[in-house]
C-alpha atoms as a PDB file:
ATOM      1  CA  MET A   1       0.012 -13.426  14.598  1.00  0.00           C
ATOM      2  CA  ASP A   2       4.302 -12.693  14.502  1.00  0.00           C
ATOM      3  CA  SER A   3       5.804  -9.101  15.502  1.00  0.00           C
ATOM      4  CA  SER A   4       5.960  -7.752  12.057  1.00  0.00           C
ATOM      5  CA  SER A   5       3.351  -4.576  10.899  1.00  0.00           C
ATOM      6  CA  LEU A   6       0.524  -5.157   9.710  1.00  0.00           C
ATOM      7  CA  CYS A   7      -1.316  -2.844   6.937  1.00  0.00           C
ATOM      8  CA  LEU A   8      -4.663  -1.531   6.569  1.00  0.00           C
ATOM      9  CA  LEU A   9      -4.762  -0.023   3.056  1.00  0.00           C
ATOM     10  CA  PHE A  10      -7.632   2.049   1.135  1.00  0.00           C
ATOM     11  CA  LEU A  11      -7.503   3.927  -1.749  1.00  0.00           C
ATOM     12  CA  THR A  12      -9.351   6.637  -3.985  1.00  0.00           C
ATOM     13  CA  LEU A  13      -9.146   7.403  -7.495  1.00  0.00           C
ATOM     14  CA  CYS A  14      -9.412  10.396  -9.426  1.00  0.00           C
ATOM     15  CA  SER A  15      -8.494  10.806 -13.328  1.00  0.00           C
ATOM     16  CA  ALA A  16      -8.998  13.220 -16.297  1.00  0.00           C
ATOM     17  CA  ASP A  17      -7.024  13.066 -19.495  1.00  0.00           C
ATOM     18  CA  ALA A  18      -4.477  10.829 -18.347  1.00  0.00           C
ATOM     19  CA  PHE A  19      -3.534  12.641 -15.424  1.00  0.00           C
ATOM     20  CA  MET A  20      -4.184  10.377 -12.081  1.00  0.00           C
ATOM     21  CA  GLU A  21      -5.155  11.714  -8.559  1.00  0.00           C
ATOM     22  CA  TYR A  22      -5.378   9.429  -5.946  1.00  0.00           C
ATOM     23  CA  VAL A  23      -5.179   9.572  -1.897  1.00  0.00           C
ATOM     24  CA  VAL A  24      -4.346   6.541   0.077  1.00  0.00           C
ATOM     25  CA  ASP A  25      -5.188   5.776   3.588  1.00  0.00           C
ATOM     26  CA  ARG A  26      -3.115   3.269   5.509  1.00  0.00           C
ATOM     27  CA  CYS A  27      -2.794   1.846   9.260  1.00  0.00           C
ATOM     28  CA  GLU A  28       0.374   0.363  10.220  1.00  0.00           C
ATOM     29  CA  PHE A  29      -0.112  -0.986  12.860  1.00  0.00           C
ATOM     30  CA  ASN A  30       1.949  -4.405  15.382  1.00  0.00           C
ATOM     31  CA  SER A  31      -1.013  -4.852  17.690  1.00  0.00           C
ATOM     32  CA  THR A  32      -4.472  -3.554  18.175  1.00  0.00           C
ATOM     33  CA  ASP A  33      -3.009  -1.353  21.174  1.00  0.00           C
ATOM     34  CA  LEU A  34      -3.712   3.171  20.469  1.00  0.00           C
ATOM     35  CA  LYS A  35      -0.196   3.388  20.575  1.00  0.00           C
ATOM     36  CA  ASP A  36       0.973   0.833  18.139  1.00  0.00           C
ATOM     37  CA  ILE A  37      -0.810   2.238  15.302  1.00  0.00           C
ATOM     38  CA  GLU A  38      -0.079   4.824  12.749  1.00  0.00           C
ATOM     39  CA  TYR A  39      -2.259   6.433  10.454  1.00  0.00           C
ATOM     40  CA  ILE A  40      -1.083   8.062   7.368  1.00  0.00           C
ATOM     41  CA  ARG A  41      -3.399   9.413   4.490  1.00  0.00           C
ATOM     42  CA  SER A  42      -1.284   9.878   1.255  1.00  0.00           C
ATOM     43  CA  TYR A  43      -1.261  12.473  -1.752  1.00  0.00           C
ATOM     44  CA  ASN A  44      -0.500  11.452  -4.558  1.00  0.00           C
ATOM     45  CA  TYR A  45      -0.560  13.189  -8.447  1.00  0.00           C
ATOM     46  CA  ASN A  46       0.794  10.784 -11.842  1.00  0.00           C
ATOM     47  CA  ARG A  47       1.972   8.188  -9.035  1.00  0.00           C
ATOM     48  CA  LYS A  48       4.143  11.434  -6.918  1.00  0.00           C
ATOM     49  CA  GLU A  49       3.781  11.675  -3.730  1.00  0.00           C
ATOM     50  CA  TYR A  50       3.617  15.031  -2.823  1.00  0.00           C
ATOM     51  CA  VAL A  51       2.239  15.721   0.089  1.00  0.00           C
ATOM     52  CA  ARG A  52       1.178  13.015   3.779  1.00  0.00           C
ATOM     53  CA  PHE A  53      -0.652  13.381   7.494  1.00  0.00           C
ATOM     54  CA  SER A  54       1.709  11.074   9.418  1.00  0.00           C
ATOM     55  CA  SER A  55      -0.187  10.531  13.115  1.00  0.00           C
ATOM     56  CA  SER A  56       3.484   9.791  14.573  1.00  0.00           C
ATOM     57  CA  LEU A  57       3.954  13.686  13.915  1.00  0.00           C
ATOM     58  CA  GLY A  58       0.863  15.259  13.758  1.00  0.00           C
ATOM     59  CA  LYS A  59       0.810  17.275  10.792  1.00  0.00           C
ATOM     60  CA  TYR A  60       1.602  17.312   6.852  1.00  0.00           C
ATOM     61  CA  VAL A  61       4.889  16.791   5.237  1.00  0.00           C
ATOM     62  CA  GLY A  62       5.257  18.439   1.798  1.00  0.00           C
ATOM     63  CA  TYR A  63       7.648  17.053  -0.836  1.00  0.00           C
ATOM     64  CA  THR A  64       7.051  19.149  -3.874  1.00  0.00           C
ATOM     65  CA  GLU A  65       6.313  22.881  -3.966  1.00  0.00           C
ATOM     66  CA  TYR A  66       2.455  22.446  -4.423  1.00  0.00           C
ATOM     67  CA  GLY A  67       2.869  20.217  -1.308  1.00  0.00           C
ATOM     68  CA  VAL A  68       4.394  22.411   0.644  1.00  0.00           C
ATOM     69  CA  LYS A  69       1.780  24.732   0.341  1.00  0.00           C
ATOM     70  CA  ASN A  70      -0.759  23.026   0.875  1.00  0.00           C
ATOM     71  CA  ALA A  71       0.388  21.398   4.269  1.00  0.00           C
ATOM     72  CA  GLU A  72       1.397  24.669   5.505  1.00  0.00           C
ATOM     73  CA  ARG A  73      -2.368  25.545   5.128  1.00  0.00           C
ATOM     74  CA  TRP A  74      -3.662  22.727   6.252  1.00  0.00           C
ATOM     75  CA  ASN A  75      -1.271  22.635   9.612  1.00  0.00           C
ATOM     76  CA  ASN A  76      -2.026  25.618  10.411  1.00  0.00           C
ATOM     77  CA  ASP A  77      -6.244  25.162  10.531  1.00  0.00           C
ATOM     78  CA  PRO A  78      -6.748  23.647  14.230  1.00  0.00           C
ATOM     79  CA  SER A  79     -10.283  21.535  12.791  1.00  0.00           C
ATOM     80  CA  GLU A  80      -7.762  19.768  10.024  1.00  0.00           C
ATOM     81  CA  LEU A  81      -5.521  18.601  12.092  1.00  0.00           C
ATOM     82  CA  GLY A  82      -7.796  17.662  14.791  1.00  0.00           C
ATOM     83  CA  ALA A  83      -9.978  15.800  11.854  1.00  0.00           C
ATOM     84  CA  MET A  84      -6.766  13.908  10.777  1.00  0.00           C
ATOM     85  CA  LYS A  85      -5.424  13.078  13.991  1.00  0.00           C
ATOM     86  CA  ALA A  86      -8.794  11.715  15.380  1.00  0.00           C
ATOM     87  CA  GLN A  87      -8.985   8.919  12.002  1.00  0.00           C
ATOM     88  CA  LYS A  88      -6.372   7.323  13.857  1.00  0.00           C
ATOM     89  CA  GLU A  89      -8.831   6.229  16.631  1.00  0.00           C
ATOM     90  CA  THR A  90     -11.976   6.178  14.906  1.00  0.00           C
ATOM     91  CA  TYR A  91     -10.464   4.856  11.076  1.00  0.00           C
ATOM     92  CA  CYS A  92      -7.849   2.678  11.872  1.00  0.00           C
ATOM     93  CA  LYS A  93      -8.624   1.290  15.401  1.00  0.00           C
ATOM     94  CA  HIS A  94     -12.011   0.529  14.545  1.00  0.00           C
ATOM     95  CA  ASN A  95     -11.268  -1.422  11.189  1.00  0.00           C
ATOM     96  CA  ILE A  96      -7.721  -3.248  13.417  1.00  0.00           C
ATOM     97  CA  ASP A  97     -10.250  -4.606  16.178  1.00  0.00           C
ATOM     98  CA  ILE A  98     -12.335  -6.236  12.984  1.00  0.00           C
ATOM     99  CA  ASP A  99      -9.293  -7.843  11.462  1.00  0.00           C
ATOM    100  CA  TYR A 100      -7.365  -8.966  13.998  1.00  0.00           C
ATOM    101  CA  GLN A 101     -10.980 -10.963  15.330  1.00  0.00           C
ATOM    102  CA  THR A 102     -11.560 -11.858  12.001  1.00  0.00           C
ATOM    103  CA  ALA A 103      -7.875 -13.321  11.565  1.00  0.00           C
ATOM    104  CA  LEU A 104      -8.178 -14.826  15.282  1.00  0.00           C
ATOM    105  CA  SER A 105     -11.099 -16.614  14.510  1.00  0.00           C
ATOM    106  CA  LYS A 106      -9.891 -18.300  11.268  1.00  0.00           C
ATOM    107  CA  SER A 107      -6.694 -19.794  13.341  1.00  0.00           C
END
């Protein structure tokens, strides 16, 4: 494998009356080493990202007025932040290990 970043991507979609909200979970990584992995969860409404959690920042960042309010609320909840920070290891590391093993067994 080359040194470029790889990415795992999972979408959750909800729509009603032509409005669409979706959440994108992704893992960006250069290796299976936990320090080289970044977990990102993006919340989007009608194709516009309004709030994001990044494991490299360790907190939520809002991009709209609604997103800023949600980020502030979630950042003040230690259990929410703890759960999101744990996703780097429980979600990303687990899936990346599987992907690496699959790729190595086929090469």
